Amino acid sequence: MIMRHRLQRHILIIGTLIIIAGLFAASDTLHDKTGELIIWTEAAISEAPLLGMLLFVLLAMVSAMVAFFSSALLAPIAVYTWGKAGCLALLWLGWLLGGIASFCIGRFLGRSVAAMIIGEEKLSGWERQVSEHTRFIHVLLFQATVPSEIPGYVLGILRYPFLLYLAVLAITELPYAVAVVYLGESFLERNAIVFIISGVAAILLGVILLRIFKKVARR
């Protein structure tokens, strides 16, 4: 019950932040200041393009492993610098590497190390939701609905088959990456309506996925 309430709160927070970003984009002053920062950052990256790519992938990787940072905040800069396709590829790669790293930490370094990173209470709560024999569809929904920094550690500790986890990770992270790139482009274009609609849609989709996850878990 506690985990369900936390997940509902997580979904609500994400949707609300997307809506706030839309309001941010609608503000002339705030958007202009952000635009100046984006242009300055792109110019700095152009001085060392390979380093810029590696840094962005690293930040995306870290955001998939810990809860205090989201690489989605950097999407407008990435879209402006590398275009939609480049941003999508780098973001997806970073998230995949982050998921793989968290899985390896859980599997090879053990529960104590994973608990130090994401918290003992959070880890033990989600551990009860899956096992090494859990069906693929259940793990897919688990990865799609739970905050991204959690599933890798949990499934690694439970020694879930790595190739199945990699497939789950790749499938679930791709649509999120596409959505982040789309929102990054919308921010550059100051399309606030898209943000507001996307925020409401994110909340509704999260609630639907959560209900499906609960039904599959009961079965």
Foldseek 3Di string as FASTA:
>chain_A
DVVLVVLLVVLLVQLVVLLVLLVQLQDPVSLVVVVVVLVVVLVVCVVPVVVVLVVLLQLLLVVLAAPPDHSLVCLLSQCVNPNLVRQLVSNLNSNLNNLQVLLCCLQPVHDVVSCVGHHDVVQVVCLVQDALPDDLVLLLLVCQRDRSNHSSNSCSNRVRPPVSVSVSSSVRVNVVSSVSNVSSVCSNVSVSVVSNVVSVVSSVVNVVSSVVSVVSSVD
